[in-house]
């Protein structure tokens, strides 16, 4: 993939986004305050100055434009005591990715190029971190929290747009990136989020 243009943002771009918007995303911001990383630990290629700039400090001027509850978070930056100095060629890595969360019985393996569970198709192939599965969880949280008003959005996209403070913070972040010459944020096709919430099926 070296030298090729991708339809994704870099790891540091995604991490700096988390340090502004939080890890909870738009849907959960209907229920909770932003959740920020307390620390980040790097192995090889650690440089404190470069890491701090990539993770948060390039956004210092953004803090004043954020709505209440949001901030530019500066996590503790660490490195492992013994870094693996073996030359890591990304061209030879596997196409699989793993996800796991406290409470999950096992890690889930996802086929990276398709974003699906290996050898599956249709909704059955959607991993637990897919938009479809997150929509199902959102609906269950809305019902448990007695928030039927949030389900009136109808679509996954509209439910995210309804998180006003989150969207305001997101627009401030994107505007800051353009203003500073960091480029435009790469977006996935909008059609990926234009599906009905499970309760409206």
Protein backbone atom coordinates (compact mmCIF):
# COMPACT_ATOMS: atom_id res chain seq x y z
CA UNK A 1 0.00 0.00 0.00
CA UNK A 2 3.01 2.26 0.28
CA UNK A 3 2.62 5.38 -1.90
CA UNK A 4 -1.00 4.67 -2.80
CA UNK A 5 -3.88 7.04 -2.02
CA UNK A 6 -6.32 5.52 0.44
CA UNK A 7 -9.94 6.25 1.31
CA UNK A 8 -9.05 6.32 5.01
CA UNK A 9 -7.38 8.72 7.40
CA UNK A 10 -4.06 8.01 9.11
CA UNK A 11 -3.91 6.47 12.59
CA UNK A 12 -2.76 9.77 14.10
CA UNK A 13 -5.67 11.61 12.46
CA UNK A 14 -8.12 9.18 14.02
CA UNK A 15 -6.43 9.48 17.41
CA UNK A 16 -6.46 13.28 17.33
CA UNK A 17 -10.16 13.10 16.51
CA UNK A 18 -10.71 10.95 19.61
CA UNK A 19 -8.78 13.51 21.67
CA UNK A 20 -11.29 16.16 20.61
CA UNK A 21 -14.60 14.30 20.19
CA UNK A 22 -14.07 11.40 22.57
CA UNK A 23 -14.27 7.66 21.99
CA UNK A 24 -18.04 7.38 22.50
CA UNK A 25 -19.06 8.64 19.07
CA UNK A 26 -22.18 10.55 18.10
CA UNK A 27 -24.76 7.95 19.15
CA UNK A 28 -23.52 7.46 22.71
CA UNK A 29 -23.04 11.20 23.15
CA UNK A 30 -26.83 11.35 23.50
CA UNK A 31 -26.31 9.63 26.87
CA UNK A 32 -22.82 10.34 28.20
CA UNK A 33 -20.13 13.00 28.29
CA UNK A 34 -17.08 12.55 26.03
CA UNK A 35 -14.80 9.66 27.04
CA UNK A 36 -11.11 10.41 26.47
CA UNK A 37 -8.03 8.18 26.37
CA UNK A 38 -6.03 8.47 29.59
CA UNK A 39 -2.78 7.31 27.99
CA UNK A 40 -1.21 6.04 24.78
CA UNK A 41 1.77 3.66 24.74
CA UNK A 42 3.96 3.25 21.66
CA UNK A 43 6.59 0.63 20.90
CA UNK A 44 9.16 1.35 18.20
CA UNK A 45 9.57 4.73 16.46
CA UNK A 46 8.70 6.68 19.61
CA UNK A 47 9.47 10.39 19.52
CA UNK A 48 7.80 12.41 22.29
CA UNK A 49 7.58 15.66 20.31
CA UNK A 50 6.24 14.12 17.12
CA UNK A 51 3.77 11.95 19.04
CA UNK A 52 2.43 14.87 21.10
CA UNK A 53 1.94 16.96 17.96
CA UNK A 54 0.23 14.11 16.10
CA UNK A 55 -2.01 13.11 19.02
CA UNK A 56 -3.26 16.49 20.20
CA UNK A 57 -0.95 19.54 20.21
CA UNK A 58 -1.55 20.46 16.55
CA UNK A 59 -5.11 21.23 17.64
CA UNK A 60 -4.24 23.63 20.50
CA UNK A 61 -6.04 26.59 18.89
CA UNK A 62 -9.20 24.53 18.44
CA UNK A 63 -10.04 24.37 22.16
CA UNK A 64 -11.80 27.76 22.22
CA UNK A 65 -14.21 26.72 19.42
CA UNK A 66 -15.53 23.60 21.16
CA UNK A 67 -18.99 23.44 22.77
CA UNK A 68 -19.41 22.82 26.53
CA UNK A 69 -18.43 19.30 27.56
CA UNK A 70 -15.82 18.96 24.82
CA UNK A 71 -12.15 19.81 25.09
CA UNK A 72 -8.79 19.14 23.54
CA UNK A 73 -7.50 16.27 25.64
CA UNK A 74 -3.78 15.65 26.14
CA UNK A 75 -3.29 11.98 27.10
CA UNK A 76 -0.22 10.72 28.90
CA UNK A 77 2.25 9.51 26.26
CA UNK A 78 4.42 6.49 27.04
CA UNK A 79 6.74 4.05 25.37
CA UNK A 80 7.50 0.45 26.17
CA UNK A 81 10.77 -0.20 27.97
CA UNK A 82 11.93 -2.71 25.34
CA UNK A 83 10.77 -1.93 21.82
CA UNK A 84 10.78 -4.54 19.08
CA UNK A 85 13.37 -3.17 16.67
CA UNK A 86 12.66 -5.74 13.97
CA UNK A 87 11.91 -4.13 10.62
CA UNK A 88 8.11 -4.31 10.33
CA UNK A 89 7.01 -4.40 6.70
CA UNK A 90 3.35 -3.45 6.40
CA UNK A 91 3.32 -5.06 2.97
CA UNK A 92 3.51 -8.51 4.60
CA UNK A 93 0.86 -8.08 7.28
CA UNK A 94 -2.30 -10.16 7.42
CA UNK A 95 -5.60 -8.86 6.05
CA UNK A 96 -7.37 -9.78 9.29
CA UNK A 97 -8.16 -7.49 12.20
CA UNK A 98 -9.33 -8.26 15.72
CA UNK A 99 -11.72 -6.55 18.09
CA UNK A 100 -12.45 -7.32 21.71
CA UNK A 101 -14.11 -5.52 24.57
CA UNK A 102 -14.48 -6.27 28.26
CA UNK A 103 -17.41 -8.65 28.53
CA UNK A 104 -16.84 -10.34 25.17
CA UNK A 105 -16.17 -14.06 25.48
CA UNK A 106 -13.71 -14.08 22.57
CA UNK A 107 -11.96 -11.75 20.17
CA UNK A 108 -13.72 -11.33 16.84
CA UNK A 109 -11.73 -11.77 13.62
CA UNK A 110 -12.69 -9.53 10.69
CA UNK A 111 -11.54 -9.80 7.07
CA UNK A 112 -10.00 -6.34 6.59
CA UNK A 113 -10.63 -5.73 2.87
CA UNK A 114 -14.36 -6.48 3.16
CA UNK A 115 -15.00 -5.46 6.77
CA UNK A 116 -16.99 -8.67 7.27
CA UNK A 117 -16.67 -11.87 9.22
CA UNK A 118 -14.73 -14.45 7.15
CA UNK A 119 -16.83 -16.71 4.91
CA UNK A 120 -20.16 -15.01 5.62
CA UNK A 121 -22.62 -12.93 3.65
CA UNK A 122 -25.56 -10.62 4.27
CA UNK A 123 -26.43 -9.27 7.72
CA UNK A 124 -25.01 -12.44 9.28
CA UNK A 125 -21.57 -11.31 8.13
CA UNK A 126 -21.73 -7.98 9.92
CA UNK A 127 -19.16 -7.83 12.76
CA UNK A 128 -20.12 -6.47 16.17
CA UNK A 129 -18.32 -3.19 15.38
CA UNK A 130 -20.32 -2.62 12.17
CA UNK A 131 -22.73 0.27 11.80
CA UNK A 132 -25.65 -2.18 11.68
CA UNK A 133 -24.71 -3.81 14.99
CA UNK A 134 -24.02 -0.42 16.60
CA UNK A 135 -27.49 0.71 15.49
CA UNK A 136 -29.01 -2.34 17.21
CA UNK A 137 -27.13 -1.52 20.42
CA UNK A 138 -28.20 2.12 20.20
CA UNK A 139 -31.86 1.09 19.96
CA UNK A 140 -31.53 -1.23 22.95
CA UNK A 141 -29.91 1.55 25.02
CA UNK A 142 -32.67 4.00 24.00
CA UNK A 143 -35.30 1.53 25.17
CA UNK A 144 -33.48 0.76 28.43
CA UNK A 145 -33.03 4.50 29.14
CA UNK A 146 -36.67 5.25 28.24
CA UNK A 147 -35.64 7.62 25.44
CA UNK A 148 -38.15 6.87 22.65
CA UNK A 149 -37.60 10.43 21.38
CA UNK A 150 -34.20 9.40 20.05
CA UNK A 151 -35.77 6.64 17.98
CA UNK A 152 -37.92 9.14 16.12
CA UNK A 153 -34.87 9.91 13.99
CA UNK A 154 -35.73 6.82 11.97
CA UNK A 155 -32.35 6.40 10.29
CA UNK A 156 -28.88 5.70 11.64
CA UNK A 157 -27.59 8.85 9.94
CA UNK A 158 -30.31 11.05 11.44
CA UNK A 159 -29.73 9.63 14.93
CA UNK A 160 -26.08 10.68 14.67
CA UNK A 161 -26.95 14.10 13.29
CA UNK A 162 -29.29 14.63 16.25
CA UNK A 163 -26.33 14.73 18.66
CA UNK A 164 -26.05 18.51 18.37
CA UNK A 165 -23.06 19.20 20.63
CA UNK A 166 -21.08 16.31 19.13
CA UNK A 167 -21.80 17.55 15.60
CA UNK A 168 -20.79 21.10 16.57
CA UNK A 169 -17.48 19.83 17.96
CA UNK A 170 -16.94 17.68 14.87
CA UNK A 171 -17.53 20.61 12.52
CA UNK A 172 -15.10 22.74 14.55
CA UNK A 173 -12.47 19.98 14.20
CA UNK A 174 -12.96 19.62 10.44
CA UNK A 175 -12.92 23.39 9.94
CA UNK A 176 -9.70 23.68 11.95
CA UNK A 177 -8.06 20.96 9.82
CA UNK A 178 -8.93 22.84 6.62
CA UNK A 179 -7.85 26.21 8.05
CA UNK A 180 -4.47 24.84 9.15
CA UNK A 181 -3.82 23.14 5.83
CA UNK A 182 -4.12 19.61 7.22
CA UNK A 183 -6.44 18.76 4.37
CA UNK A 184 -10.03 17.63 4.21
CA UNK A 185 -11.29 14.69 6.22
CA UNK A 186 -11.90 11.65 4.02
CA UNK A 187 -15.52 10.54 4.38
CA UNK A 188 -17.03 7.19 3.51
CA UNK A 189 -20.03 7.25 1.12
CA UNK A 190 -23.06 8.76 2.89
CA UNK A 191 -25.20 5.85 1.69
CA UNK A 192 -23.48 3.60 4.25
CA UNK A 193 -25.39 5.35 7.04
CA UNK A 194 -28.73 5.86 5.34
CA UNK A 195 -30.46 2.78 6.73
CA UNK A 196 -33.41 2.52 9.09
CA UNK A 197 -32.91 1.98 12.79
CA UNK A 198 -33.89 -1.58 13.75
CA UNK A 199 -37.04 -0.47 15.60
CA UNK A 200 -38.50 0.98 12.39
CA UNK A 201 -38.20 -2.23 10.35
